[in-house]
Amino acid sequence: MTRNSQNGFTLIEVLLALTIFALMGTILYGAFSLGHGAVDKSQKSFEKNQKLRAVDELLGSYIRSAFPYRSTPQSAPLLFIGESAELTFVSSFSLAMGGRGMAKVRLFWEGDEKRGGTLRLEEETPVRVQDEEGHEGHEGFRTGMVIREGVKEFRISYLDPQSEEEKWEERWDVGERNGLPGAVRLEYRTADGGEARWVFPIMMNLLAR
């Protein structure tokens, strides 16, 4: 006498299948989450680099366009004050005026040597210069922006165009030099300990050679 076998799954087989399915689901979810996190991190890094590149190019446009400005043709010195942590000059590039037009520019660092600080840029249009009594008259239209945060050990130096060898000065006195530097170099450390260096040639000096 034969016994008819019944088709189906045992309880152990069902539990084993569910366990395998759950394990595969966990693995797939982990792989998807890891891939999504990598893409998101890459996108944020790309956007940050793009922003820094745009800011660097904007700062370079100001410095490369430094202009030997005097309040009158007979007056001296040029409006260019170069210190180790601050620079004031006139540029023929103006963001507020759509890229063209004279603007008085001030680049400066605010902060603490140990904790770091912020590198800022201010633009003023039209250009205001001091009279004989040291007054600048009515204040022009000012705009400002943050160039970079978390800046440590910020230093500006100036290339001497008259020197036969490459010589960088810690400050630039136009009263003594009677001209603009050949280039401006910015050096600092970032919040994560990295080193940054920008060198911007001044086009007016290049064209004069």
N, C-alpha and C. Protein backbone atom coordinates (compact mmCIF):
# COMPACT_ATOMS: atom_id res chain seq x y z
N MET A 1 0.87 -1.19 0.00
CA MET A 1 0.00 0.00 0.00
C MET A 1 0.90 1.23 0.00
N THR A 2 0.74 2.09 -1.01
CA THR A 2 1.54 3.30 -1.12
C THR A 2 0.86 4.47 -0.45
N ARG A 3 1.79 5.32 0.06
CA ARG A 3 1.30 6.53 0.78
C ARG A 3 1.57 7.75 -0.06
N ASN A 4 0.55 8.50 -0.37
CA ASN A 4 0.69 9.71 -1.19
C ASN A 4 1.47 10.78 -0.41
N SER A 5 2.56 11.28 -1.07
CA SER A 5 3.34 12.35 -0.44
C SER A 5 2.68 13.70 -0.70
N GLN A 6 2.71 14.58 0.26
CA GLN A 6 2.10 15.91 0.13
C GLN A 6 3.19 16.95 -0.17
N ASN A 7 2.93 17.75 -1.25
CA ASN A 7 3.85 18.83 -1.61
C ASN A 7 3.68 20.00 -0.66
N GLY A 8 4.83 20.67 -0.27
CA GLY A 8 4.78 21.82 0.62
C GLY A 8 6.11 22.03 1.32
N PHE A 9 6.15 23.04 2.17
CA PHE A 9 7.36 23.39 2.90
C PHE A 9 7.17 23.11 4.38
N THR A 10 8.21 22.68 4.96
CA THR A 10 8.18 22.48 6.41
C THR A 10 8.42 23.82 7.10
N LEU A 11 8.15 23.87 8.39
CA LEU A 11 8.33 25.09 9.16
C LEU A 11 9.80 25.51 9.18
N ILE A 12 10.68 24.53 9.25
CA ILE A 12 12.12 24.83 9.29
C ILE A 12 12.55 25.47 7.97
N GLU A 13 12.05 24.97 6.85
CA GLU A 13 12.39 25.53 5.54
C GLU A 13 11.90 26.97 5.41
N VAL A 14 10.70 27.24 5.89
CA VAL A 14 10.14 28.59 5.83
C VAL A 14 10.98 29.56 6.66
N LEU A 15 11.34 29.16 7.88
CA LEU A 15 12.15 30.02 8.73
C LEU A 15 13.53 30.27 8.12
N LEU A 16 14.09 29.22 7.52
CA LEU A 16 15.39 29.37 6.88
C LEU A 16 15.32 30.34 5.71
N ALA A 17 14.26 30.25 4.92
CA ALA A 17 14.10 31.16 3.77
C ALA A 17 13.91 32.60 4.23
N LEU A 18 13.12 32.79 5.30
CA LEU A 18 12.92 34.14 5.82
C LEU A 18 14.22 34.73 6.38
N THR A 19 15.03 33.88 7.01
CA THR A 19 16.31 34.34 7.56
C THR A 19 17.25 34.78 6.44
N ILE A 20 17.31 33.98 5.38
CA ILE A 20 18.17 34.32 4.24
C ILE A 20 17.67 35.61 3.58
N PHE A 21 16.35 35.72 3.44
CA PHE A 21 15.77 36.93 2.82
C PHE A 21 16.10 38.18 3.64
N ALA A 22 15.99 38.09 4.97
CA ALA A 22 16.28 39.22 5.84
C ALA A 22 17.76 39.58 5.79
N LEU A 23 18.61 38.55 5.73
CA LEU A 23 20.05 38.79 5.65
C LEU A 23 20.43 39.49 4.35
N MET A 24 19.85 39.04 3.25
CA MET A 24 20.12 39.66 1.95
C MET A 24 19.61 41.10 1.92
N GLY A 25 18.43 41.31 2.54
CA GLY A 25 17.89 42.66 2.60
C GLY A 25 18.79 43.61 3.39
N THR A 26 19.34 43.09 4.50
CA THR A 26 20.25 43.92 5.31
C THR A 26 21.51 44.27 4.54
N ILE A 27 22.06 43.28 3.81
CA ILE A 27 23.27 43.51 3.03
C ILE A 27 23.02 44.53 1.92
N LEU A 28 21.90 44.38 1.21
CA LEU A 28 21.56 45.31 0.12
C LEU A 28 21.32 46.72 0.64
N TYR A 29 20.64 46.82 1.79
CA TYR A 29 20.38 48.14 2.37
C TYR A 29 21.69 48.80 2.79
N GLY A 30 22.59 48.01 3.40
CA GLY A 30 23.88 48.55 3.81
C GLY A 30 24.70 49.04 2.63
N ALA A 31 24.67 48.25 1.54
CA ALA A 31 25.41 48.65 0.33
C ALA A 31 24.81 49.92 -0.27
N PHE A 32 23.48 50.00 -0.29
CA PHE A 32 22.82 51.19 -0.83
C PHE A 32 23.11 52.42 0.02
N SER A 33 23.05 52.24 1.36
CA SER A 33 23.30 53.36 2.27
C SER A 33 24.74 53.84 2.14
N LEU A 34 25.68 52.90 2.02
CA LEU A 34 27.09 53.26 1.88
C LEU A 34 27.34 54.00 0.57
N GLY A 35 26.73 53.50 -0.51
CA GLY A 35 26.89 54.17 -1.81
C GLY A 35 26.27 55.55 -1.81
N HIS A 36 25.10 55.69 -1.20
CA HIS A 36 24.43 56.99 -1.14
C HIS A 36 25.24 57.98 -0.31
N GLY A 37 25.82 57.50 0.81
CA GLY A 37 26.65 58.36 1.65
C GLY A 37 27.89 58.82 0.92
N ALA A 38 28.50 57.93 0.13
CA ALA A 38 29.70 58.29 -0.63
C ALA A 38 29.38 59.33 -1.68
N VAL A 39 28.24 59.16 -2.36
CA VAL A 39 27.82 60.14 -3.38
C VAL A 39 27.52 61.49 -2.75
N ASP A 40 26.82 61.46 -1.61
CA ASP A 40 26.48 62.71 -0.92
C ASP A 40 27.74 63.43 -0.44
N LYS A 41 28.69 62.67 0.11
CA LYS A 41 29.94 63.26 0.56
C LYS A 41 30.73 63.83 -0.60
N SER A 42 30.75 63.10 -1.71
CA SER A 42 31.46 63.58 -2.90
C SER A 42 30.83 64.85 -3.45
N GLN A 43 29.49 64.91 -3.43
CA GLN A 43 28.78 66.09 -3.91
C GLN A 43 29.07 67.31 -3.04
N LYS A 44 29.07 67.11 -1.72
CA LYS A 44 29.36 68.22 -0.81
C LYS A 44 30.79 68.70 -0.99
N SER A 45 31.74 67.76 -1.16
CA SER A 45 33.13 68.14 -1.38
C SER A 45 33.29 68.91 -2.68
N PHE A 46 32.57 68.48 -3.71
CA PHE A 46 32.62 69.17 -5.01
C PHE A 46 32.07 70.58 -4.90
N GLU A 47 30.94 70.74 -4.22
CA GLU A 47 30.33 72.05 -4.05
C GLU A 47 31.23 72.97 -3.23
N LYS A 48 31.89 72.42 -2.19
CA LYS A 48 32.80 73.22 -1.38
C LYS A 48 34.00 73.68 -2.21
N ASN A 49 34.56 72.77 -3.00
CA ASN A 49 35.70 73.13 -3.84
C ASN A 49 35.32 74.16 -4.90
N GLN A 50 34.11 74.03 -5.44
CA GLN A 50 33.64 74.99 -6.43
C GLN A 50 33.48 76.37 -5.81
N LYS A 51 32.95 76.40 -4.59
CA LYS A 51 32.77 77.68 -3.89
C LYS A 51 34.12 78.33 -3.59
N LEU A 52 35.07 77.52 -3.10
CA LEU A 52 36.40 78.06 -2.79
C LEU A 52 37.09 78.55 -4.06
N ARG A 53 36.90 77.82 -5.15
CA ARG A 53 37.52 78.22 -6.41
C ARG A 53 36.94 79.54 -6.90
N ALA A 54 35.63 79.70 -6.73
CA ALA A 54 34.98 80.95 -7.15
C ALA A 54 35.45 82.13 -6.31
N VAL A 55 35.60 81.91 -5.00
CA VAL A 55 36.07 82.97 -4.11
C VAL A 55 37.52 83.32 -4.43
N ASP A 56 38.35 82.30 -4.68
CA ASP A 56 39.74 82.54 -5.03
C ASP A 56 39.84 83.36 -6.31
N GLU A 57 39.02 83.04 -7.28
CA GLU A 57 39.05 83.76 -8.56
C GLU A 57 38.57 85.19 -8.38
N LEU A 58 37.58 85.40 -7.52
CA LEU A 58 37.10 86.76 -7.26
C LEU A 58 38.19 87.58 -6.58
N LEU A 59 38.84 87.02 -5.58
CA LEU A 59 39.93 87.72 -4.89
C LEU A 59 41.06 88.03 -5.87
N GLY A 60 41.38 87.07 -6.73
CA GLY A 60 42.42 87.28 -7.73
C GLY A 60 42.07 88.40 -8.69
N SER A 61 40.79 88.52 -9.06
CA SER A 61 40.36 89.58 -9.97
C SER A 61 40.60 90.95 -9.36
N TYR A 62 40.35 91.09 -8.06
CA TYR A 62 40.60 92.36 -7.39
C TYR A 62 42.09 92.69 -7.39
N ILE A 63 42.93 91.74 -6.95
CA ILE A 63 44.36 92.03 -6.80
C ILE A 63 45.05 92.18 -8.14
N ARG A 64 44.74 91.33 -9.10
CA ARG A 64 45.37 91.44 -10.42
C ARG A 64 45.05 92.77 -11.08
N SER A 65 43.90 93.36 -10.71
CA SER A 65 43.48 94.63 -11.31
C SER A 65 43.86 95.83 -10.46
N ALA A 66 44.79 95.66 -9.51
CA ALA A 66 45.25 96.79 -8.69
C ALA A 66 45.73 97.92 -9.60
N PHE A 67 45.30 99.14 -9.26
CA PHE A 67 45.54 100.30 -10.14
C PHE A 67 46.36 101.36 -9.39
N PRO A 68 47.34 101.97 -10.06
CA PRO A 68 48.15 103.03 -9.41
C PRO A 68 47.36 104.33 -9.30
N TYR A 69 46.45 104.37 -8.35
CA TYR A 69 45.51 105.47 -8.23
C TYR A 69 46.07 106.60 -7.37
N ARG A 70 45.90 107.82 -7.87
CA ARG A 70 46.19 109.03 -7.10
C ARG A 70 44.96 109.92 -7.13
N SER A 71 44.75 110.68 -6.05
CA SER A 71 43.58 111.55 -5.99
C SER A 71 43.64 112.63 -7.07
N THR A 72 44.84 113.12 -7.36
CA THR A 72 45.05 114.06 -8.45
C THR A 72 46.36 113.69 -9.13
N PRO A 73 46.57 114.05 -10.40
CA PRO A 73 47.82 113.69 -11.08
C PRO A 73 49.07 114.21 -10.39
N GLN A 74 48.95 115.33 -9.66
CA GLN A 74 50.12 115.91 -9.01
C GLN A 74 50.37 115.36 -7.61
N SER A 75 49.37 114.68 -7.06
CA SER A 75 49.50 114.26 -5.66
C SER A 75 50.25 112.95 -5.56
N ALA A 76 50.81 112.71 -4.40
CA ALA A 76 51.51 111.46 -4.10
C ALA A 76 51.24 111.15 -2.63
N PRO A 77 51.28 109.95 -2.20
CA PRO A 77 51.67 108.77 -2.96
C PRO A 77 50.47 108.05 -3.55
N LEU A 78 50.71 106.88 -4.12
CA LEU A 78 49.64 106.04 -4.61
C LEU A 78 48.79 105.54 -3.44
N LEU A 79 47.55 105.23 -3.74
CA LEU A 79 46.67 104.67 -2.71
C LEU A 79 46.88 103.14 -2.67
N PHE A 80 47.91 102.73 -1.94
CA PHE A 80 48.23 101.32 -1.77
C PHE A 80 48.94 101.16 -0.44
N ILE A 81 48.28 100.49 0.50
CA ILE A 81 48.83 100.30 1.84
C ILE A 81 48.97 98.81 2.08
N GLY A 82 50.20 98.31 2.05
CA GLY A 82 50.43 96.88 2.19
C GLY A 82 51.09 96.53 3.50
N GLU A 83 50.35 95.85 4.38
CA GLU A 83 50.88 95.39 5.65
C GLU A 83 50.88 93.86 5.67
N SER A 84 51.38 93.28 6.74
CA SER A 84 51.51 91.83 6.81
C SER A 84 50.17 91.11 6.98
N ALA A 85 49.17 91.79 7.56
CA ALA A 85 47.87 91.15 7.77
C ALA A 85 46.71 91.96 7.20
N GLU A 86 47.02 93.02 6.43
CA GLU A 86 45.97 93.87 5.86
C GLU A 86 46.48 94.57 4.61
N LEU A 87 45.61 94.69 3.64
CA LEU A 87 45.97 95.33 2.38
C LEU A 87 44.83 96.23 1.92
N THR A 88 45.16 97.50 1.63
CA THR A 88 44.19 98.45 1.10
C THR A 88 44.72 99.01 -0.21
N PHE A 89 43.90 98.97 -1.25
CA PHE A 89 44.35 99.43 -2.56
C PHE A 89 43.13 99.78 -3.42
N VAL A 90 43.41 100.33 -4.59
CA VAL A 90 42.35 100.63 -5.55
C VAL A 90 42.43 99.63 -6.69
N SER A 91 41.29 99.08 -7.05
CA SER A 91 41.23 98.10 -8.12
C SER A 91 40.32 98.60 -9.24
N SER A 92 40.69 98.27 -10.48
CA SER A 92 39.83 98.61 -11.61
C SER A 92 38.73 97.57 -11.82
N PHE A 93 38.69 96.57 -10.92
CA PHE A 93 37.62 95.57 -10.90
C PHE A 93 36.70 95.87 -9.74
N SER A 94 35.41 95.89 -10.00
CA SER A 94 34.42 96.15 -8.95
C SER A 94 33.25 95.20 -9.11
N LEU A 95 33.03 94.35 -8.12
CA LEU A 95 31.90 93.44 -8.16
C LEU A 95 30.58 94.20 -8.07
N ALA A 96 30.56 95.24 -7.24
CA ALA A 96 29.34 96.03 -7.06
C ALA A 96 28.93 96.76 -8.33
N MET A 97 29.90 97.06 -9.20
CA MET A 97 29.61 97.78 -10.43
C MET A 97 29.63 96.85 -11.65
N GLY A 98 29.47 95.56 -11.40
CA GLY A 98 29.37 94.61 -12.50
C GLY A 98 30.68 94.20 -13.12
N GLY A 99 31.79 94.40 -12.42
CA GLY A 99 33.08 93.96 -12.92
C GLY A 99 33.99 95.08 -13.37
N ARG A 100 33.43 96.24 -13.67
CA ARG A 100 34.24 97.37 -14.14
C ARG A 100 33.98 98.59 -13.27
N GLY A 101 35.02 99.41 -13.14
CA GLY A 101 34.88 100.62 -12.34
C GLY A 101 35.81 100.60 -11.15
N MET A 102 36.33 101.77 -10.80
CA MET A 102 37.28 101.88 -9.71
C MET A 102 36.61 101.62 -8.35
N ALA A 103 37.28 100.83 -7.54
CA ALA A 103 36.77 100.53 -6.20
C ALA A 103 37.93 100.51 -5.21
N LYS A 104 37.68 101.02 -4.03
CA LYS A 104 38.66 100.94 -2.95
C LYS A 104 38.44 99.62 -2.22
N VAL A 105 39.49 98.81 -2.15
CA VAL A 105 39.37 97.46 -1.62
C VAL A 105 40.22 97.31 -0.37
N ARG A 106 39.66 96.64 0.62
CA ARG A 106 40.39 96.36 1.85
C ARG A 106 40.28 94.87 2.15
N LEU A 107 41.42 94.21 2.19
CA LEU A 107 41.50 92.79 2.54
C LEU A 107 42.15 92.69 3.92
N PHE A 108 41.49 92.04 4.86
CA PHE A 108 42.02 92.00 6.22
C PHE A 108 41.62 90.72 6.94
N TRP A 109 42.39 90.39 7.95
CA TRP A 109 42.17 89.18 8.74
C TRP A 109 41.80 89.58 10.16
N GLU A 110 40.76 88.94 10.69
CA GLU A 110 40.30 89.19 12.05
C GLU A 110 40.32 87.88 12.82
N GLY A 111 41.03 87.85 13.93
CA GLY A 111 41.01 86.62 14.71
C GLY A 111 42.15 86.53 15.69
N ASP A 112 42.36 85.32 16.13
CA ASP A 112 43.39 85.01 17.13
C ASP A 112 44.37 84.02 16.51
N GLU A 113 45.67 84.21 16.78
CA GLU A 113 46.69 83.36 16.18
C GLU A 113 46.50 81.89 16.55
N LYS A 114 46.03 81.61 17.75
CA LYS A 114 45.88 80.23 18.19
C LYS A 114 44.57 79.61 17.72
N ARG A 115 43.47 80.36 17.85
CA ARG A 115 42.16 79.80 17.50
C ARG A 115 41.78 80.05 16.05
N GLY A 116 42.51 80.89 15.37
CA GLY A 116 42.16 81.19 13.99
C GLY A 116 41.17 82.34 13.89
N GLY A 117 40.86 82.73 12.67
CA GLY A 117 39.94 83.85 12.46
C GLY A 117 39.35 83.83 11.07
N THR A 118 38.89 85.00 10.65
CA THR A 118 38.17 85.12 9.39
C THR A 118 38.89 86.10 8.47
N LEU A 119 39.03 85.70 7.22
CA LEU A 119 39.60 86.56 6.20
C LEU A 119 38.45 87.24 5.47
N ARG A 120 38.46 88.59 5.49
CA ARG A 120 37.36 89.36 4.92
C ARG A 120 37.83 90.31 3.83
N LEU A 121 36.88 90.71 3.00
CA LEU A 121 37.16 91.69 1.96
C LEU A 121 36.03 92.71 1.93
N GLU A 122 36.41 93.99 1.87
CA GLU A 122 35.42 95.08 1.77
C GLU A 122 35.70 95.88 0.50
N GLU A 123 34.64 96.27 -0.15
CA GLU A 123 34.75 97.11 -1.35
C GLU A 123 33.96 98.39 -1.14
N GLU A 124 34.54 99.51 -1.53
CA GLU A 124 33.87 100.80 -1.41
C GLU A 124 33.90 101.53 -2.75
N THR A 125 32.75 101.97 -3.18
CA THR A 125 32.63 102.75 -4.42
C THR A 125 31.75 103.98 -4.16
N PRO A 126 32.06 105.13 -4.73
CA PRO A 126 33.28 105.41 -5.49
C PRO A 126 34.48 105.51 -4.56
N VAL A 127 35.66 105.62 -5.14
CA VAL A 127 36.89 105.68 -4.35
C VAL A 127 36.93 106.98 -3.55
N ARG A 128 37.18 106.87 -2.25
CA ARG A 128 37.32 108.05 -1.38
C ARG A 128 38.75 108.11 -0.88
N VAL A 129 39.37 109.26 -1.00
CA VAL A 129 40.73 109.44 -0.51
C VAL A 129 40.74 110.56 0.53
N GLN A 130 41.73 110.53 1.38
CA GLN A 130 41.83 111.54 2.43
C GLN A 130 42.33 112.87 1.88
N ASP A 131 41.79 113.95 2.44
CA ASP A 131 42.29 115.26 2.06
C ASP A 131 43.49 115.62 2.94
N GLU A 132 43.93 116.84 2.87
CA GLU A 132 45.12 117.26 3.62
C GLU A 132 44.91 117.17 5.12
N GLU A 133 43.66 117.26 5.58
CA GLU A 133 43.37 117.18 7.00
C GLU A 133 43.09 115.76 7.47
N GLY A 134 43.16 114.80 6.55
CA GLY A 134 42.95 113.40 6.92
C GLY A 134 41.52 112.94 6.86
N HIS A 135 40.61 113.76 6.28
CA HIS A 135 39.20 113.37 6.17
C HIS A 135 38.92 112.78 4.79
N GLU A 136 37.98 111.83 4.75
CA GLU A 136 37.63 111.19 3.49
C GLU A 136 36.32 111.71 2.91
N GLY A 137 35.73 112.68 3.52
CA GLY A 137 34.46 113.21 3.01
C GLY A 137 33.32 112.22 3.24
N HIS A 138 32.32 112.26 2.37
CA HIS A 138 31.16 111.39 2.53
C HIS A 138 31.54 109.94 2.22
N GLU A 139 31.01 109.04 3.04
CA GLU A 139 31.30 107.63 2.86
C GLU A 139 30.59 107.10 1.63
N GLY A 140 31.28 106.26 0.87
CA GLY A 140 30.70 105.68 -0.33
C GLY A 140 29.87 104.45 -0.01
N PHE A 141 29.50 103.73 -1.05
CA PHE A 141 28.70 102.51 -0.90
C PHE A 141 29.65 101.35 -0.60
N ARG A 142 29.41 100.66 0.51
CA ARG A 142 30.30 99.59 0.93
C ARG A 142 29.60 98.23 0.88
N THR A 143 30.34 97.25 0.43
CA THR A 143 29.89 95.86 0.48
C THR A 143 31.02 95.03 1.07
N GLY A 144 30.68 93.94 1.70
CA GLY A 144 31.69 93.09 2.31
C GLY A 144 31.36 91.62 2.14
N MET A 145 32.37 90.79 2.26
CA MET A 145 32.17 89.35 2.13
C MET A 145 33.24 88.62 2.94
N VAL A 146 32.91 87.39 3.30
CA VAL A 146 33.87 86.52 3.98
C VAL A 146 34.59 85.70 2.91
N ILE A 147 35.91 85.83 2.87
CA ILE A 147 36.70 85.06 1.93
C ILE A 147 36.89 83.63 2.42
N ARG A 148 37.28 83.51 3.70
CA ARG A 148 37.47 82.18 4.26
C ARG A 148 37.47 82.25 5.78
N GLU A 149 36.93 81.20 6.41
CA GLU A 149 36.90 81.12 7.87
C GLU A 149 37.92 80.08 8.34
N GLY A 150 38.22 80.13 9.63
CA GLY A 150 39.18 79.18 10.19
C GLY A 150 40.59 79.40 9.71
N VAL A 151 40.95 80.66 9.48
CA VAL A 151 42.28 81.00 8.95
C VAL A 151 43.24 81.27 10.09
N LYS A 152 44.40 80.61 10.05
CA LYS A 152 45.43 80.80 11.07
C LYS A 152 46.73 81.25 10.41
N GLU A 153 47.55 81.98 11.17
CA GLU A 153 48.89 82.40 10.74
C GLU A 153 48.84 83.09 9.37
N PHE A 154 47.92 84.00 9.23
CA PHE A 154 47.75 84.70 7.95
C PHE A 154 48.86 85.71 7.73
N ARG A 155 49.45 85.70 6.53
CA ARG A 155 50.53 86.60 6.17
C ARG A 155 50.38 87.06 4.72
N ILE A 156 50.64 88.35 4.50
CA ILE A 156 50.70 88.90 3.15
C ILE A 156 52.12 89.36 2.89
N SER A 157 52.62 89.09 1.71
CA SER A 157 53.94 89.58 1.32
C SER A 157 53.87 90.11 -0.11
N TYR A 158 54.87 90.93 -0.48
CA TYR A 158 54.80 91.71 -1.71
C TYR A 158 56.10 91.52 -2.51
N LEU A 159 55.95 91.23 -3.80
CA LEU A 159 57.10 90.97 -4.65
C LEU A 159 57.70 92.28 -5.15
N ASP A 160 59.01 92.45 -4.95
CA ASP A 160 59.71 93.65 -5.41
C ASP A 160 60.04 93.50 -6.90
N PRO A 161 59.40 94.30 -7.76
CA PRO A 161 59.65 94.17 -9.20
C PRO A 161 61.00 94.71 -9.64
N GLN A 162 61.67 95.48 -8.77
CA GLN A 162 62.96 96.07 -9.11
C GLN A 162 64.13 95.15 -8.78
N SER A 163 63.87 94.13 -7.99
CA SER A 163 64.94 93.23 -7.59
C SER A 163 65.23 92.21 -8.69
N GLU A 164 66.52 91.95 -8.92
CA GLU A 164 66.91 90.97 -9.94
C GLU A 164 66.55 89.55 -9.50
N GLU A 165 66.60 89.30 -8.20
CA GLU A 165 66.19 88.00 -7.67
C GLU A 165 64.77 88.12 -7.12
N GLU A 166 64.14 86.98 -6.89
CA GLU A 166 62.79 86.98 -6.33
C GLU A 166 62.85 87.39 -4.87
N LYS A 167 62.36 88.59 -4.57
CA LYS A 167 62.44 89.13 -3.23
C LYS A 167 61.05 89.56 -2.76
N TRP A 168 60.60 88.97 -1.65
CA TRP A 168 59.28 89.28 -1.09
C TRP A 168 59.43 90.13 0.16
N GLU A 169 58.67 91.22 0.20
CA GLU A 169 58.71 92.14 1.34
C GLU A 169 57.50 91.90 2.26
N GLU A 170 57.70 92.12 3.57
CA GLU A 170 56.63 91.94 4.53
C GLU A 170 55.62 93.08 4.49
N ARG A 171 56.03 94.24 4.05
CA ARG A 171 55.12 95.37 3.89
C ARG A 171 55.53 96.17 2.66
N TRP A 172 54.60 96.96 2.16
CA TRP A 172 54.87 97.75 0.95
C TRP A 172 54.54 99.21 1.20
N ASP A 173 55.57 100.02 1.26
CA ASP A 173 55.43 101.45 1.50
C ASP A 173 55.55 102.17 0.16
N VAL A 174 54.42 102.68 -0.35
CA VAL A 174 54.45 103.34 -1.65
C VAL A 174 55.20 104.67 -1.59
N GLY A 175 55.32 105.24 -0.38
CA GLY A 175 56.10 106.47 -0.24
C GLY A 175 57.56 106.23 -0.57
N GLU A 176 58.05 105.04 -0.22
CA GLU A 176 59.42 104.68 -0.52
C GLU A 176 59.56 104.07 -1.91
N ARG A 177 58.60 103.27 -2.30
CA ARG A 177 58.69 102.52 -3.55
C ARG A 177 58.22 103.32 -4.77
N ASN A 178 57.23 104.18 -4.54
CA ASN A 178 56.64 104.97 -5.63
C ASN A 178 56.14 104.08 -6.77
N GLY A 179 55.53 102.99 -6.43
CA GLY A 179 54.99 102.07 -7.42
C GLY A 179 54.33 100.88 -6.75
N LEU A 180 53.65 100.07 -7.55
CA LEU A 180 52.98 98.89 -7.02
C LEU A 180 53.94 97.70 -7.00
N PRO A 181 53.68 96.73 -6.12
CA PRO A 181 54.50 95.51 -6.14
C PRO A 181 54.22 94.69 -7.40
N GLY A 182 55.12 93.77 -7.69
CA GLY A 182 54.92 92.93 -8.87
C GLY A 182 53.85 91.88 -8.67
N ALA A 183 53.66 91.46 -7.43
CA ALA A 183 52.65 90.45 -7.10
C ALA A 183 52.36 90.50 -5.61
N VAL A 184 51.25 89.92 -5.23
CA VAL A 184 50.86 89.81 -3.82
C VAL A 184 50.73 88.33 -3.49
N ARG A 185 51.32 87.94 -2.39
CA ARG A 185 51.26 86.53 -1.96
C ARG A 185 50.53 86.43 -0.62
N LEU A 186 49.55 85.54 -0.54
CA LEU A 186 48.81 85.29 0.70
C LEU A 186 49.14 83.88 1.18
N GLU A 187 49.48 83.75 2.46
CA GLU A 187 49.80 82.45 3.04
C GLU A 187 49.08 82.30 4.37
N TYR A 188 48.57 81.09 4.65
CA TYR A 188 47.91 80.84 5.92
C TYR A 188 47.72 79.34 6.12
N ARG A 189 47.26 79.00 7.31
CA ARG A 189 46.90 77.62 7.63
C ARG A 189 45.39 77.52 7.80
N THR A 190 44.84 76.41 7.36
CA THR A 190 43.40 76.18 7.49
C THR A 190 43.09 75.57 8.85
N ALA A 191 41.79 75.46 9.16
CA ALA A 191 41.37 74.94 10.46
C ALA A 191 41.83 73.50 10.66
N ASP A 192 41.95 72.71 9.59
CA ASP A 192 42.37 71.32 9.72
C ASP A 192 43.88 71.14 9.63
N GLY A 193 44.62 72.26 9.65
CA GLY A 193 46.08 72.19 9.66
C GLY A 193 46.74 72.23 8.30
N GLY A 194 45.96 72.32 7.23
CA GLY A 194 46.53 72.40 5.90
C GLY A 194 47.13 73.76 5.61
N GLU A 195 48.02 73.80 4.64
CA GLU A 195 48.67 75.05 4.25
C GLU A 195 48.10 75.54 2.92
N ALA A 196 47.90 76.84 2.82
CA ALA A 196 47.37 77.44 1.59
C ALA A 196 48.26 78.60 1.18
N ARG A 197 48.44 78.75 -0.13
CA ARG A 197 49.24 79.86 -0.65
C ARG A 197 48.64 80.31 -1.97
N TRP A 198 48.39 81.61 -2.05
CA TRP A 198 47.92 82.22 -3.30
C TRP A 198 48.94 83.26 -3.73
N VAL A 199 49.25 83.29 -5.01
CA VAL A 199 50.12 84.32 -5.57
C VAL A 199 49.38 84.97 -6.73
N PHE A 200 49.15 86.27 -6.61
CA PHE A 200 48.42 87.01 -7.65
C PHE A 200 49.32 88.09 -8.24
N PRO A 201 49.72 87.97 -9.50
CA PRO A 201 50.50 89.03 -10.14
C PRO A 201 49.64 90.26 -10.38
N ILE A 202 50.25 91.44 -10.30
CA ILE A 202 49.54 92.69 -10.59
C ILE A 202 49.77 93.04 -12.05
N MET A 203 48.67 93.06 -12.82
CA MET A 203 48.76 93.17 -14.26
C MET A 203 49.36 94.49 -14.73
N MET A 204 49.15 95.59 -13.99
CA MET A 204 49.68 96.88 -14.38
C MET A 204 51.20 96.84 -14.45
N ASN A 205 51.82 96.09 -13.56
CA ASN A 205 53.28 95.96 -13.58
C ASN A 205 53.73 95.08 -14.73
N LEU A 206 52.97 94.05 -15.03
CA LEU A 206 53.33 93.17 -16.13
C LEU A 206 53.23 93.89 -17.47
N LEU A 207 52.21 94.74 -17.62
CA LEU A 207 52.02 95.46 -18.86
C LEU A 207 53.09 96.55 -19.06
N ALA A 208 53.61 97.04 -17.91
CA ALA A 208 54.60 98.12 -17.97
C ALA A 208 55.98 97.61 -18.34
N ARG A 209 56.20 96.30 -18.27
CA ARG A 209 57.54 95.75 -18.55
C ARG A 209 57.82 95.66 -20.05
